[in-house]
Amino acid sequence: MLSRPGFEPTPTWLSNLHWAHAGALRVEWLNRTETHFRKVGPLINEYNGGKAVLVGEDGQEIEEGCGGELLWLLDPEAMGEGERGRF
């Protein structure tokens, strides 16, 4: 995060949604890798009632094993082949 929630101007599209939110914030995406649905779809997040990780809400906590697998799918070179079995 480059700013705290609520410290950025609210985008006009957000005012049309009737969601409870903490306000706009600025982020810097460190990874913009294309990841295919068929690879991420089978990942299950036990912290969200055993639902697929794709079903999580904004800010949803991800169980360690699922999160590690997701990181490996996003950037296998950075994670290293040997790290995958750790999760």
C-alpha atoms as a PDB file:
ATOM      1  CA  MET A   1       0.000   0.000   0.000  1.00  0.00           C
ATOM      2  CA  LEU A   2       1.222   3.419  -0.863  1.00  0.00           C
ATOM      3  CA  SER A   3      -1.428   5.200   1.195  1.00  0.00           C
ATOM      4  CA  ARG A   4      -3.801   4.398   4.040  1.00  0.00           C
ATOM      5  CA  PRO A   5      -7.477   3.710   3.268  1.00  0.00           C
ATOM      6  CA  GLY A   6      -9.454   6.934   3.095  1.00  0.00           C
ATOM      7  CA  PHE A   7      -6.455   9.113   2.188  1.00  0.00           C
ATOM      8  CA  GLU A   8      -7.093   9.123  -1.575  1.00  0.00           C
ATOM      9  CA  PRO A   9      -9.934  10.818  -3.460  1.00  0.00           C
ATOM     10  CA  THR A  10     -12.940   8.539  -3.855  1.00  0.00           C
ATOM     11  CA  PRO A  11     -13.375   7.466  -7.507  1.00  0.00           C
ATOM     12  CA  THR A  12     -16.733   8.415  -9.009  1.00  0.00           C
ATOM     13  CA  TRP A  13     -17.614   4.785  -9.809  1.00  0.00           C
ATOM     14  CA  LEU A  14     -17.295   3.885  -6.120  1.00  0.00           C
ATOM     15  CA  SER A  15     -19.997   6.355  -5.124  1.00  0.00           C
ATOM     16  CA  ASN A  16     -22.497   4.355  -7.243  1.00  0.00           C
ATOM     17  CA  LEU A  17     -21.896   1.219  -5.183  1.00  0.00           C
ATOM     18  CA  HIS A  18     -23.632   0.797  -1.877  1.00  0.00           C
ATOM     19  CA  TRP A  19     -20.848  -1.085  -0.129  1.00  0.00           C
ATOM     20  CA  ALA A  20     -19.401  -0.430   3.282  1.00  0.00           C
ATOM     21  CA  HIS A  21     -15.721   0.372   2.682  1.00  0.00           C
ATOM     22  CA  ALA A  22     -12.764   1.974   4.387  1.00  0.00           C
ATOM     23  CA  GLY A  23     -12.153   4.485   1.603  1.00  0.00           C
ATOM     24  CA  ALA A  24      -9.891   4.619  -1.409  1.00  0.00           C
ATOM     25  CA  LEU A  25      -6.193   3.839  -1.141  1.00  0.00           C
ATOM     26  CA  ARG A  26      -3.249   3.749  -3.511  1.00  0.00           C
ATOM     27  CA  VAL A  27      -1.475   0.462  -4.222  1.00  0.00           C
ATOM     28  CA  GLU A  28       1.572  -0.512  -6.222  1.00  0.00           C
ATOM     29  CA  TRP A  29       1.169  -3.826  -8.054  1.00  0.00           C
ATOM     30  CA  LEU A  30       4.407  -5.752  -7.737  1.00  0.00           C
ATOM     31  CA  ASN A  31       3.274  -8.577  -9.982  1.00  0.00           C
ATOM     32  CA  ARG A  32       0.956  -8.300 -12.961  1.00  0.00           C
ATOM     33  CA  THR A  33       1.451 -11.823 -14.261  1.00  0.00           C
ATOM     34  CA  GLU A  34      -1.356 -13.392 -16.265  1.00  0.00           C
ATOM     35  CA  THR A  35      -2.501 -16.512 -14.447  1.00  0.00           C
ATOM     36  CA  HIS A  36      -4.978 -18.910 -16.012  1.00  0.00           C
ATOM     37  CA  PHE A  37      -8.238 -19.660 -14.202  1.00  0.00           C
ATOM     38  CA  ARG A  38      -7.740 -23.409 -14.624  1.00  0.00           C
ATOM     39  CA  LYS A  39      -4.619 -23.194 -12.443  1.00  0.00           C
ATOM     40  CA  VAL A  40      -6.052 -20.998  -9.682  1.00  0.00           C
ATOM     41  CA  GLY A  41      -9.632 -22.328  -9.707  1.00  0.00           C
ATOM     42  CA  PRO A  42      -8.866 -25.580  -7.819  1.00  0.00           C
ATOM     43  CA  LEU A  43      -7.191 -23.788  -4.877  1.00  0.00           C
ATOM     44  CA  ILE A  44      -9.353 -24.022  -1.741  1.00  0.00           C
ATOM     45  CA  ASN A  45      -9.209 -21.475   1.082  1.00  0.00           C
ATOM     46  CA  GLU A  46     -10.142 -23.073   4.406  1.00  0.00           C
ATOM     47  CA  TYR A  47     -10.369 -19.589   5.995  1.00  0.00           C
ATOM     48  CA  ASN A  48     -13.364 -18.870   3.755  1.00  0.00           C
ATOM     49  CA  GLY A  49     -15.457 -21.944   4.502  1.00  0.00           C
ATOM     50  CA  GLY A  50     -13.576 -24.210   2.083  1.00  0.00           C
ATOM     51  CA  LYS A  51     -14.548 -22.121  -0.939  1.00  0.00           C
ATOM     52  CA  ALA A  52     -12.313 -21.639  -3.953  1.00  0.00           C
ATOM     53  CA  VAL A  53      -9.743 -18.890  -3.393  1.00  0.00           C
ATOM     54  CA  LEU A  54     -11.354 -16.987  -6.295  1.00  0.00           C
ATOM     55  CA  VAL A  55     -14.533 -16.517  -4.225  1.00  0.00           C
ATOM     56  CA  GLY A  56     -12.914 -14.436  -1.467  1.00  0.00           C
ATOM     57  CA  GLU A  57     -14.043 -10.950  -0.554  1.00  0.00           C
ATOM     58  CA  ASP A  58     -11.705  -7.968  -0.742  1.00  0.00           C
ATOM     59  CA  GLY A  59      -9.189  -8.355   2.058  1.00  0.00           C
ATOM     60  CA  GLN A  60     -10.086 -12.023   2.626  1.00  0.00           C
ATOM     61  CA  GLU A  61      -7.416 -13.807   4.640  1.00  0.00           C
ATOM     62  CA  ILE A  62      -5.964 -16.840   2.841  1.00  0.00           C
ATOM     63  CA  GLU A  63      -4.846 -19.984   4.641  1.00  0.00           C
ATOM     64  CA  GLU A  64      -1.041 -20.459   4.521  1.00  0.00           C
ATOM     65  CA  GLY A  65      -0.933 -23.509   2.242  1.00  0.00           C
ATOM     66  CA  CYS A  66      -3.388 -22.010  -0.227  1.00  0.00           C
ATOM     67  CA  GLY A  67      -1.593 -18.651  -0.139  1.00  0.00           C
ATOM     68  CA  GLY A  68       1.773 -20.287  -0.735  1.00  0.00           C
ATOM     69  CA  GLU A  69       0.437 -22.217  -3.704  1.00  0.00           C
ATOM     70  CA  LEU A  70      -1.115 -19.031  -5.093  1.00  0.00           C
ATOM     71  CA  LEU A  71       2.202 -17.189  -4.768  1.00  0.00           C
ATOM     72  CA  TRP A  72       3.993 -20.039  -6.526  1.00  0.00           C
ATOM     73  CA  LEU A  73       1.473 -19.897  -9.397  1.00  0.00           C
ATOM     74  CA  LEU A  74       1.897 -16.133  -9.721  1.00  0.00           C
ATOM     75  CA  ASP A  75       5.698 -16.173  -9.754  1.00  0.00           C
ATOM     76  CA  PRO A  76       7.303 -19.640  -9.843  1.00  0.00           C
ATOM     77  CA  GLU A  77      10.717 -18.219 -10.711  1.00  0.00           C
ATOM     78  CA  ALA A  78      10.798 -16.013  -7.615  1.00  0.00           C
ATOM     79  CA  MET A  79       9.481 -18.784  -5.352  1.00  0.00           C
ATOM     80  CA  GLY A  80      11.913 -21.411  -6.673  1.00  0.00           C
ATOM     81  CA  GLU A  81      10.921 -24.984  -7.505  1.00  0.00           C
ATOM     82  CA  GLY A  82      12.210 -26.269  -4.167  1.00  0.00           C
ATOM     83  CA  GLU A  83       9.988 -23.904  -2.173  1.00  0.00           C
ATOM     84  CA  ARG A  84       6.722 -25.308  -3.530  1.00  0.00           C
ATOM     85  CA  GLY A  85       6.675 -28.376  -1.318  1.00  0.00           C
ATOM     86  CA  ARG A  86       7.085 -26.245   1.802  1.00  0.00           C
ATOM     87  CA  PHE A  87       3.463 -25.087   1.844  1.00  0.00           C
END
